[in-house]
C-alpha atoms as a PDB file:
ATOM      1  CA  MET A   1      74.602 114.261 170.738  1.00  0.00           C
ATOM      2  CA  ARG A   2      72.721 111.668 168.756  1.00  0.00           C
ATOM      3  CA  ASN A   3      74.985 112.188 165.673  1.00  0.00           C
ATOM      4  CA  LYS A   4      73.886 115.810 165.386  1.00  0.00           C
ATOM      5  CA  LEU A   5      76.133 118.870 165.054  1.00  0.00           C
ATOM      6  CA  HIS A   6      73.678 120.841 167.274  1.00  0.00           C
ATOM      7  CA  LEU A   7      70.492 120.424 169.175  1.00  0.00           C
ATOM      8  CA  ALA A   8      69.141 123.936 168.875  1.00  0.00           C
ATOM      9  CA  PRO A   9      66.294 124.120 166.359  1.00  0.00           C
ATOM     10  CA  ILE A  10      68.008 126.805 164.313  1.00  0.00           C
ATOM     11  CA  GLY A  11      65.683 126.306 161.301  1.00  0.00           C
ATOM     12  CA  GLY A  12      66.367 128.200 158.066  1.00  0.00           C
ATOM     13  CA  GLN A  13      69.314 127.894 155.769  1.00  0.00           C
ATOM     14  CA  SER A  14      70.071 131.615 155.633  1.00  0.00           C
ATOM     15  CA  ALA A  15      71.355 131.904 159.227  1.00  0.00           C
ATOM     16  CA  LYS A  16      74.337 133.817 160.374  1.00  0.00           C
ATOM     17  CA  ILE A  17      76.370 131.454 162.684  1.00  0.00           C
ATOM     18  CA  LEU A  18      79.225 132.048 165.024  1.00  0.00           C
ATOM     19  CA  ASP A  19      81.380 129.230 166.395  1.00  0.00           C
ATOM     20  CA  VAL A  20      83.316 130.359 169.478  1.00  0.00           C
ATOM     21  CA  GLY A  21      86.578 128.462 170.236  1.00  0.00           C
ATOM     22  CA  THR A  22      86.447 126.826 166.935  1.00  0.00           C
ATOM     23  CA  GLY A  23      89.697 124.822 167.399  1.00  0.00           C
ATOM     24  CA  THR A  24      90.435 122.753 164.417  1.00  0.00           C
ATOM     25  CA  GLY A  25      87.351 124.275 162.697  1.00  0.00           C
ATOM     26  CA  ILE A  26      85.852 120.916 161.949  1.00  0.00           C
ATOM     27  CA  TRP A  27      82.363 121.917 163.334  1.00  0.00           C
ATOM     28  CA  ALA A  28      82.284 125.085 161.328  1.00  0.00           C
ATOM     29  CA  ILE A  29      83.397 123.209 158.170  1.00  0.00           C
ATOM     30  CA  GLU A  30      80.691 120.504 158.675  1.00  0.00           C
ATOM     31  CA  MET A  31      78.134 123.179 159.396  1.00  0.00           C
ATOM     32  CA  GLY A  32      79.074 124.934 156.135  1.00  0.00           C
ATOM     33  CA  ASP A  33      78.373 121.724 154.205  1.00  0.00           C
ATOM     34  CA  ASP A  34      75.069 121.207 155.993  1.00  0.00           C
ATOM     35  CA  TYR A  35      73.913 124.781 155.621  1.00  0.00           C
ATOM     36  CA  PRO A  36      75.355 126.070 152.288  1.00  0.00           C
ATOM     37  CA  ASP A  37      73.267 129.291 152.438  1.00  0.00           C
ATOM     38  CA  ALA A  38      74.435 130.176 155.995  1.00  0.00           C
ATOM     39  CA  GLU A  39      77.381 132.505 156.777  1.00  0.00           C
ATOM     40  CA  ILE A  40      79.633 130.831 159.335  1.00  0.00           C
ATOM     41  CA  ILE A  41      82.381 132.454 161.285  1.00  0.00           C
ATOM     42  CA  GLY A  42      84.728 130.353 163.534  1.00  0.00           C
ATOM     43  CA  THR A  43      86.883 132.247 166.071  1.00  0.00           C
ATOM     44  CA  ASP A  44      89.760 131.221 168.353  1.00  0.00           C
ATOM     45  CA  LEU A  45      92.818 132.669 170.081  1.00  0.00           C
ATOM     46  CA  SER A  46      95.110 131.377 167.297  1.00  0.00           C
ATOM     47  CA  ALA A  47      95.076 129.609 163.990  1.00  0.00           C
ATOM     48  CA  THR A  48      94.882 126.044 165.143  1.00  0.00           C
ATOM     49  CA  GLN A  49      93.591 124.364 161.936  1.00  0.00           C
ATOM     50  CA  PRO A  50      95.605 121.269 161.421  1.00  0.00           C
ATOM     51  CA  SER A  51      97.668 120.540 158.260  1.00  0.00           C
ATOM     52  CA  TRP A  52      94.779 118.938 156.450  1.00  0.00           C
ATOM     53  CA  TYR A  53      92.883 122.212 156.673  1.00  0.00           C
ATOM     54  CA  ARG A  54      95.093 123.589 153.970  1.00  0.00           C
ATOM     55  CA  THR A  55      94.260 120.899 151.525  1.00  0.00           C
ATOM     56  CA  CYS A  56      90.663 119.991 152.470  1.00  0.00           C
ATOM     57  CA  LYS A  57      87.778 121.861 150.725  1.00  0.00           C
ATOM     58  CA  VAL A  58      86.548 124.501 153.118  1.00  0.00           C
ATOM     59  CA  PRO A  59      83.064 125.646 152.132  1.00  0.00           C
ATOM     60  CA  ALA A  60      82.931 129.151 150.641  1.00  0.00           C
ATOM     61  CA  ASN A  61      80.517 130.171 153.234  1.00  0.00           C
ATOM     62  CA  VAL A  62      82.927 129.403 156.169  1.00  0.00           C
ATOM     63  CA  LYS A  63      85.690 131.816 157.310  1.00  0.00           C
ATOM     64  CA  PHE A  64      87.985 131.772 160.403  1.00  0.00           C
ATOM     65  CA  GLU A  65      89.198 134.742 162.470  1.00  0.00           C
ATOM     66  CA  ILE A  66      91.627 135.146 165.329  1.00  0.00           C
ATOM     67  CA  ASP A  67      89.804 136.514 168.292  1.00  0.00           C
ATOM     68  CA  ASP A  68      89.715 136.382 172.040  1.00  0.00           C
ATOM     69  CA  ALA A  69      86.139 135.607 173.103  1.00  0.00           C
ATOM     70  CA  GLU A  70      86.802 137.138 176.587  1.00  0.00           C
ATOM     71  CA  GLU A  71      87.721 140.539 175.084  1.00  0.00           C
ATOM     72  CA  PRO A  72      84.829 142.886 174.068  1.00  0.00           C
ATOM     73  CA  TRP A  73      83.201 141.564 170.878  1.00  0.00           C
ATOM     74  CA  THR A  74      83.343 143.845 167.839  1.00  0.00           C
ATOM     75  CA  PHE A  75      80.851 142.125 165.562  1.00  0.00           C
ATOM     76  CA  ARG A  76      78.712 144.760 163.837  1.00  0.00           C
ATOM     77  CA  GLU A  77      75.698 142.407 163.428  1.00  0.00           C
ATOM     78  CA  GLY A  78      74.136 139.823 165.698  1.00  0.00           C
ATOM     79  CA  PHE A  79      73.938 136.069 164.964  1.00  0.00           C
ATOM     80  CA  ASP A  80      71.033 133.741 164.412  1.00  0.00           C
ATOM     81  CA  PHE A  81      72.961 130.945 166.159  1.00  0.00           C
ATOM     82  CA  VAL A  82      76.002 131.119 168.472  1.00  0.00           C
ATOM     83  CA  HIS A  83      77.799 127.815 169.135  1.00  0.00           C
ATOM     84  CA  VAL A  84      80.223 127.442 172.038  1.00  0.00           C
ATOM     85  CA  ARG A  85      81.762 124.179 173.196  1.00  0.00           C
ATOM     86  CA  TYR A  86      84.637 122.504 174.934  1.00  0.00           C
ATOM     87  CA  LEU A  87      86.090 125.515 176.698  1.00  0.00           C
ATOM     88  CA  ALA A  88      86.491 123.803 180.149  1.00  0.00           C
ATOM     89  CA  ALA A  89      89.492 125.260 181.874  1.00  0.00           C
ATOM     90  CA  ALA A  90      89.898 127.988 179.242  1.00  0.00           C
ATOM     91  CA  ILE A  91      87.477 130.715 180.318  1.00  0.00           C
ATOM     92  CA  GLU A  92      88.157 133.090 183.197  1.00  0.00           C
ATOM     93  CA  ASP A  93      84.720 134.681 183.350  1.00  0.00           C
ATOM     94  CA  TRP A  94      81.925 132.564 182.198  1.00  0.00           C
ATOM     95  CA  PRO A  95      79.133 134.986 183.069  1.00  0.00           C
ATOM     96  CA  LYS A  96      80.722 137.624 181.102  1.00  0.00           C
ATOM     97  CA  LEU A  97      81.004 135.254 178.056  1.00  0.00           C
ATOM     98  CA  MET A  98      77.333 134.425 178.445  1.00  0.00           C
ATOM     99  CA  ARG A  99      76.374 138.137 178.528  1.00  0.00           C
ATOM    100  CA  GLN A 100      78.398 138.937 175.373  1.00  0.00           C
ATOM    101  CA  THR A 101      76.901 135.830 173.592  1.00  0.00           C
ATOM    102  CA  PHE A 102      73.438 137.065 174.525  1.00  0.00           C
ATOM    103  CA  GLN A 103      74.118 140.603 173.308  1.00  0.00           C
ATOM    104  CA  HIS A 104      75.168 139.240 170.000  1.00  0.00           C
ATOM    105  CA  THR A 105      72.298 136.817 169.570  1.00  0.00           C
ATOM    106  CA  LYS A 106      69.579 138.242 167.333  1.00  0.00           C
ATOM    107  CA  PRO A 107      65.994 138.422 168.785  1.00  0.00           C
ATOM    108  CA  GLY A 108      64.543 135.003 168.125  1.00  0.00           C
ATOM    109  CA  GLY A 109      67.982 133.527 167.683  1.00  0.00           C
ATOM    110  CA  TRP A 110      69.681 130.562 169.474  1.00  0.00           C
ATOM    111  CA  ALA A 111      72.817 129.842 171.449  1.00  0.00           C
ATOM    112  CA  GLU A 112      74.130 126.442 172.294  1.00  0.00           C
ATOM    113  CA  PHE A 113      76.836 125.714 174.977  1.00  0.00           C
ATOM    114  CA  GLN A 114      78.331 122.207 175.235  1.00  0.00           C
ATOM    115  CA  ASP A 115      80.912 121.613 177.905  1.00  0.00           C
ATOM    116  CA  PHE A 116      82.417 119.189 180.344  1.00  0.00           C
ATOM    117  CA  ASP A 117      82.479 118.430 184.013  1.00  0.00           C
ATOM    118  CA  LEU A 118      85.953 116.875 184.054  1.00  0.00           C
ATOM    119  CA  THR A 119      85.369 115.044 187.383  1.00  0.00           C
ATOM    120  CA  TYR A 120      85.819 111.406 186.545  1.00  0.00           C
ATOM    121  CA  TYR A 121      83.638 108.807 188.085  1.00  0.00           C
ATOM    122  CA  SER A 122      82.527 105.186 187.712  1.00  0.00           C
ATOM    123  CA  GLU A 123      79.164 103.694 188.457  1.00  0.00           C
ATOM    124  CA  ASP A 124      80.482 100.400 189.426  1.00  0.00           C
ATOM    125  CA  GLY A 125      83.233 101.452 191.809  1.00  0.00           C
ATOM    126  CA  SER A 126      86.034 100.405 189.465  1.00  0.00           C
ATOM    127  CA  LEU A 127      87.486 103.929 189.555  1.00  0.00           C
ATOM    128  CA  LYS A 128      89.403 104.229 192.833  1.00  0.00           C
ATOM    129  CA  GLU A 129      91.195 107.088 194.569  1.00  0.00           C
ATOM    130  CA  GLU A 130      94.525 105.385 194.712  1.00  0.00           C
ATOM    131  CA  GLN A 131      94.617 104.795 190.916  1.00  0.00           C
ATOM    132  CA  GLN A 132      96.964 107.100 188.948  1.00  0.00           C
ATOM    133  CA  ILE A 133      94.118 108.308 186.721  1.00  0.00           C
ATOM    134  CA  SER A 134      92.289 109.574 189.827  1.00  0.00           C
ATOM    135  CA  LYS A 135      95.346 111.277 191.061  1.00  0.00           C
ATOM    136  CA  TRP A 136      96.005 112.913 187.824  1.00  0.00           C
ATOM    137  CA  ILE A 137      92.481 114.270 187.196  1.00  0.00           C
ATOM    138  CA  THR A 138      92.056 115.458 190.723  1.00  0.00           C
ATOM    139  CA  THR A 139      95.376 117.246 190.575  1.00  0.00           C
ATOM    140  CA  LEU A 140      94.499 118.672 187.121  1.00  0.00           C
ATOM    141  CA  ILE A 141      91.259 120.035 188.381  1.00  0.00           C
ATOM    142  CA  ALA A 142      92.935 121.681 191.378  1.00  0.00           C
ATOM    143  CA  ALA A 143      95.656 123.212 189.119  1.00  0.00           C
ATOM    144  CA  ALA A 144      92.994 124.712 186.778  1.00  0.00           C
ATOM    145  CA  HIS A 145      91.117 126.205 189.641  1.00  0.00           C
ATOM    146  CA  ARG A 146      94.553 127.771 190.827  1.00  0.00           C
ATOM    147  CA  PHE A 147      94.974 129.114 187.316  1.00  0.00           C
ATOM    148  CA  GLY A 148      91.537 130.815 187.591  1.00  0.00           C
ATOM    149  CA  ARG A 149      89.789 128.612 185.074  1.00  0.00           C
ATOM    150  CA  ASP A 150      86.746 126.457 185.783  1.00  0.00           C
ATOM    151  CA  PRO A 151      87.409 122.837 184.634  1.00  0.00           C
ATOM    152  CA  CYS A 152      83.871 121.816 185.347  1.00  0.00           C
ATOM    153  CA  PRO A 153      81.495 124.302 183.799  1.00  0.00           C
ATOM    154  CA  GLY A 154      79.019 121.778 182.275  1.00  0.00           C
ATOM    155  CA  SER A 155      76.520 121.746 185.197  1.00  0.00           C
ATOM    156  CA  LYS A 156      76.543 125.528 185.541  1.00  0.00           C
ATOM    157  CA  LEU A 157      75.844 126.409 181.878  1.00  0.00           C
ATOM    158  CA  GLU A 158      72.039 126.462 182.357  1.00  0.00           C
ATOM    159  CA  GLY A 159      72.047 128.846 185.335  1.00  0.00           C
ATOM    160  CA  TRP A 160      74.529 131.190 183.500  1.00  0.00           C
ATOM    161  CA  MET A 161      72.470 131.342 180.440  1.00  0.00           C
ATOM    162  CA  LYS A 162      69.430 132.240 182.313  1.00  0.00           C
ATOM    163  CA  ASP A 163      71.312 134.877 184.294  1.00  0.00           C
ATOM    164  CA  ALA A 164      72.458 136.407 180.977  1.00  0.00           C
ATOM    165  CA  GLY A 165      68.887 136.825 179.789  1.00  0.00           C
ATOM    166  CA  TYR A 166      68.207 133.793 177.636  1.00  0.00           C
ATOM    167  CA  GLU A 167      64.692 132.227 177.630  1.00  0.00           C
ATOM    168  CA  ASN A 168      63.580 128.759 176.840  1.00  0.00           C
ATOM    169  CA  VAL A 169      66.783 127.255 178.151  1.00  0.00           C
ATOM    170  CA  GLN A 170      66.946 123.492 177.744  1.00  0.00           C
ATOM    171  CA  HIS A 171      69.617 121.429 179.514  1.00  0.00           C
ATOM    172  CA  GLU A 172      70.752 117.889 178.700  1.00  0.00           C
ATOM    173  CA  LYS A 173      73.489 115.786 180.198  1.00  0.00           C
ATOM    174  CA  PHE A 174      75.435 113.130 178.292  1.00  0.00           C
ATOM    175  CA  ARG A 175      77.888 110.678 179.818  1.00  0.00           C
ATOM    176  CA  LEU A 176      81.146 109.966 178.039  1.00  0.00           C
ATOM    177  CA  PRO A 177      82.892 106.678 178.777  1.00  0.00           C
ATOM    178  CA  ILE A 178      86.725 106.587 178.651  1.00  0.00           C
ATOM    179  CA  GLY A 179      87.565 103.644 176.512  1.00  0.00           C
ATOM    180  CA  PRO A 180      85.462 101.067 174.656  1.00  0.00           C
ATOM    181  CA  TRP A 181      84.375  99.183 177.792  1.00  0.00           C
ATOM    182  CA  ALA A 182      80.591  99.908 177.602  1.00  0.00           C
ATOM    183  CA  LYS A 183      78.172  97.206 176.532  1.00  0.00           C
ATOM    184  CA  ASP A 184      76.005  99.586 174.688  1.00  0.00           C
ATOM    185  CA  LYS A 185      77.435  99.820 171.011  1.00  0.00           C
ATOM    186  CA  HIS A 186      76.834 103.555 170.738  1.00  0.00           C
ATOM    187  CA  LEU A 187      78.536 104.271 174.143  1.00  0.00           C
ATOM    188  CA  LYS A 188      81.375 101.805 173.179  1.00  0.00           C
ATOM    189  CA  THR A 189      82.029 103.901 170.021  1.00  0.00           C
ATOM    190  CA  ILE A 190      81.891 107.143 171.934  1.00  0.00           C
ATOM    191  CA  GLY A 191      84.290 105.732 174.567  1.00  0.00           C
ATOM    192  CA  ALA A 192      86.794 104.624 171.957  1.00  0.00           C
ATOM    193  CA  TRP A 193      86.892 108.083 170.418  1.00  0.00           C
ATOM    194  CA  ASN A 194      86.901 109.788 173.807  1.00  0.00           C
ATOM    195  CA  LEU A 195      90.025 107.736 174.739  1.00  0.00           C
ATOM    196  CA  VAL A 196      91.792 108.848 171.558  1.00  0.00           C
ATOM    197  CA  GLN A 197      91.152 112.531 172.158  1.00  0.00           C
ATOM    198  CA  ILE A 198      92.205 112.353 175.858  1.00  0.00           C
ATOM    199  CA  GLU A 199      95.492 110.572 175.022  1.00  0.00           C
ATOM    200  CA  ASP A 200      96.204 112.970 172.223  1.00  0.00           C
ATOM    201  CA  GLY A 201      95.975 116.002 174.505  1.00  0.00           C
ATOM    202  CA  LEU A 202      97.158 114.362 177.711  1.00  0.00           C
ATOM    203  CA  GLU A 203     100.631 115.828 177.706  1.00  0.00           C
ATOM    204  CA  GLY A 204      99.679 119.213 176.227  1.00  0.00           C
ATOM    205  CA  PHE A 205      97.119 120.121 178.907  1.00  0.00           C
ATOM    206  CA  THR A 206      98.925 118.592 181.809  1.00  0.00           C
ATOM    207  CA  LEU A 207     102.509 119.854 181.433  1.00  0.00           C
ATOM    208  CA  ARG A 208     101.854 123.529 181.746  1.00  0.00           C
ATOM    209  CA  LEU A 209      99.323 123.393 184.692  1.00  0.00           C
ATOM    210  CA  PHE A 210     101.509 120.978 186.626  1.00  0.00           C
ATOM    211  CA  THR A 211     104.802 122.583 186.087  1.00  0.00           C
ATOM    212  CA  GLN A 212     103.895 126.287 186.120  1.00  0.00           C
ATOM    213  CA  PHE A 213     101.142 126.288 188.848  1.00  0.00           C
ATOM    214  CA  LEU A 214     101.998 123.306 191.003  1.00  0.00           C
ATOM    215  CA  GLY A 215     105.705 123.314 190.723  1.00  0.00           C
ATOM    216  CA  TRP A 216     106.146 119.772 189.415  1.00  0.00           C
ATOM    217  CA  LYS A 217     109.268 118.847 187.402  1.00  0.00           C
ATOM    218  CA  THR A 218     108.752 117.792 183.784  1.00  0.00           C
ATOM    219  CA  GLU A 219     110.230 114.412 184.576  1.00  0.00           C
ATOM    220  CA  GLU A 220     107.659 113.920 187.467  1.00  0.00           C
ATOM    221  CA  VAL A 221     104.827 114.704 185.097  1.00  0.00           C
ATOM    222  CA  GLN A 222     105.970 112.371 182.451  1.00  0.00           C
ATOM    223  CA  VAL A 223     106.231 109.460 184.902  1.00  0.00           C
ATOM    224  CA  LEU A 224     102.697 110.141 186.151  1.00  0.00           C
ATOM    225  CA  LEU A 225     101.337 110.372 182.610  1.00  0.00           C
ATOM    226  CA  ALA A 226     102.990 107.032 181.714  1.00  0.00           C
ATOM    227  CA  ASN A 227     101.005 105.453 184.536  1.00  0.00           C
ATOM    228  CA  VAL A 228      97.788 107.393 183.632  1.00  0.00           C
ATOM    229  CA  ARG A 229      97.964 105.954 180.088  1.00  0.00           C
ATOM    230  CA  LYS A 230      98.045 102.466 181.482  1.00  0.00           C
ATOM    231  CA  ASP A 231      94.900 103.222 183.570  1.00  0.00           C
ATOM    232  CA  LEU A 232      93.180 104.859 180.669  1.00  0.00           C
ATOM    233  CA  ARG A 233      93.635 101.642 178.519  1.00  0.00           C
ATOM    234  CA  ASP A 234      92.834  99.286 181.453  1.00  0.00           C
ATOM    235  CA  PRO A 235      89.312  97.772 180.402  1.00  0.00           C
ATOM    236  CA  LYS A 236      88.649  96.925 184.018  1.00  0.00           C
ATOM    237  CA  ILE A 237      88.489 100.691 184.938  1.00  0.00           C
ATOM    238  CA  HIS A 238      85.158 102.093 183.850  1.00  0.00           C
ATOM    239  CA  ALA A 239      85.902 105.665 184.063  1.00  0.00           C
ATOM    240  CA  GLN A 240      83.671 108.320 182.598  1.00  0.00           C
ATOM    241  CA  PHE A 241      82.656 111.974 182.911  1.00  0.00           C
ATOM    242  CA  ASP A 242      79.700 114.212 181.855  1.00  0.00           C
END
């Protein structure tokens, strides 16, 4: 993302901004600092702000609301900028979400969707089918599809936006190394942070899908994840995704 919070040219300071699937709220908070005259609302299914949220200084122009983005939106006014990111394997009906986003974007406003294609690959052949990391991500993707959620929406965002009615749609793809193996300094840093966020969420987003939808035992999942962690930290495996 070139060290930017957004790529859309949203312009003025007085914008009304919506952050869908705000998660920890860190994006909304940083946007509040960068755009002190804007009104920023972050929504999510539950209040997931971490413990530091209660002690950090949240800008006065930022607020958080519990809301389900897949239910009918009830906002009375439109937004100058709608930001939606990292909802892979979380949305049942992406075209519906796009339509609601378009309906609540003011004329002349902007929307920005950022999301993954969780298919892991390597450009040098170091990621192989027989490795535990490959078994895990392939099984995870299959489980998400069985759950009725698309784990690889990234490449489809452009088409969905156009179908919803958006104009001047721009699409960019960024590759995300897993681990600090890249020679490029910037990609090395990205890879290091990407590894941290994958390991932090590894058990959380694996256990439910594997046990509830694939019938795995918890002990089986834990054994797999122990081996996946080894592969994730193996500098000889140059895995990445988009």
